[in-house]
Amino acid sequence: MDAFTAGLLQRIRTTETEMSRAREAGDDFLADVEQEELDDLRRLAAEHGVEVSTAGA
């Protein structure tokens, strides 16, 4: 796995975690911000042929 792919997958995992934390804390605004970031990261992954597992999403 190259550095781009590894970095992108790490950013996706981190964003998923942060989004879950925001939801658990009841911070709807932050959860929405994190969801938008996650959508962008997943789009970027798709554009570059990076397979993203959605099991943790």
Protein backbone atom coordinates (compact mmCIF):
# COMPACT_ATOMS: atom_id res chain seq x y z
CA MET A 1 0.00 0.00 0.00
CA ASP A 2 1.40 3.38 -0.94
CA ALA A 3 1.60 6.38 1.37
CA PHE A 4 -1.34 8.16 -0.31
CA THR A 5 -3.66 5.19 0.20
CA ALA A 6 -2.52 4.57 3.76
CA GLY A 7 -2.91 8.24 4.66
CA LEU A 8 -6.33 8.49 3.07
CA LEU A 9 -7.61 5.38 4.85
CA GLN A 10 -6.25 6.69 8.17
CA ARG A 11 -8.00 10.03 7.65
CA ILE A 12 -11.26 8.19 6.91
CA ARG A 13 -10.95 6.09 10.09
CA THR A 14 -10.13 9.16 12.18
CA THR A 15 -13.05 11.11 10.73
CA GLU A 16 -15.44 8.21 11.36
CA THR A 17 -14.29 8.11 14.99
CA GLU A 18 -14.64 11.86 15.43
CA MET A 19 -18.11 11.79 13.88
CA SER A 20 -19.20 9.04 16.27
CA ARG A 21 -17.84 10.99 19.24
CA ALA A 22 -19.69 14.11 18.15
CA ARG A 23 -22.95 12.18 17.79
CA GLU A 24 -22.50 10.55 21.20
CA ALA A 25 -21.87 13.99 22.71
CA GLY A 26 -25.00 15.37 21.05
CA ASP A 27 -23.02 17.88 18.99
CA ASP A 28 -25.09 17.85 15.83
CA PHE A 29 -23.13 20.64 14.18
CA LEU A 30 -19.77 18.91 14.62
CA ALA A 31 -21.30 15.59 13.53
CA ASP A 32 -22.51 17.28 10.33
CA VAL A 33 -19.08 18.81 9.72
CA GLU A 34 -17.42 15.42 10.19
CA GLN A 35 -19.99 13.78 7.88
CA GLU A 36 -19.18 16.29 5.14
CA GLU A 37 -15.46 15.61 5.59
CA LEU A 38 -16.11 11.87 5.44
CA ASP A 39 -18.15 12.27 2.25
CA ASP A 40 -15.29 14.24 0.68
CA LEU A 41 -12.70 11.67 1.72
CA ARG A 42 -14.79 8.78 0.38
CA ARG A 43 -15.27 10.65 -2.90
CA LEU A 44 -11.52 11.20 -3.14
CA ALA A 45 -10.93 7.51 -2.44
CA ALA A 46 -13.38 6.49 -5.17
CA GLU A 47 -11.75 8.85 -7.65
CA HIS A 48 -8.40 7.17 -7.00
CA GLY A 49 -9.66 3.60 -6.90
CA VAL A 50 -9.10 3.17 -3.18
CA GLU A 51 -11.48 0.62 -1.69
CA VAL A 52 -12.99 1.81 1.59
CA SER A 53 -14.63 -0.62 4.01
CA THR A 54 -17.88 0.78 5.39
CA ALA A 55 -18.06 -1.68 8.29
CA GLY A 56 -17.09 1.00 10.80
CA ALA A 57 -19.33 3.67 9.31
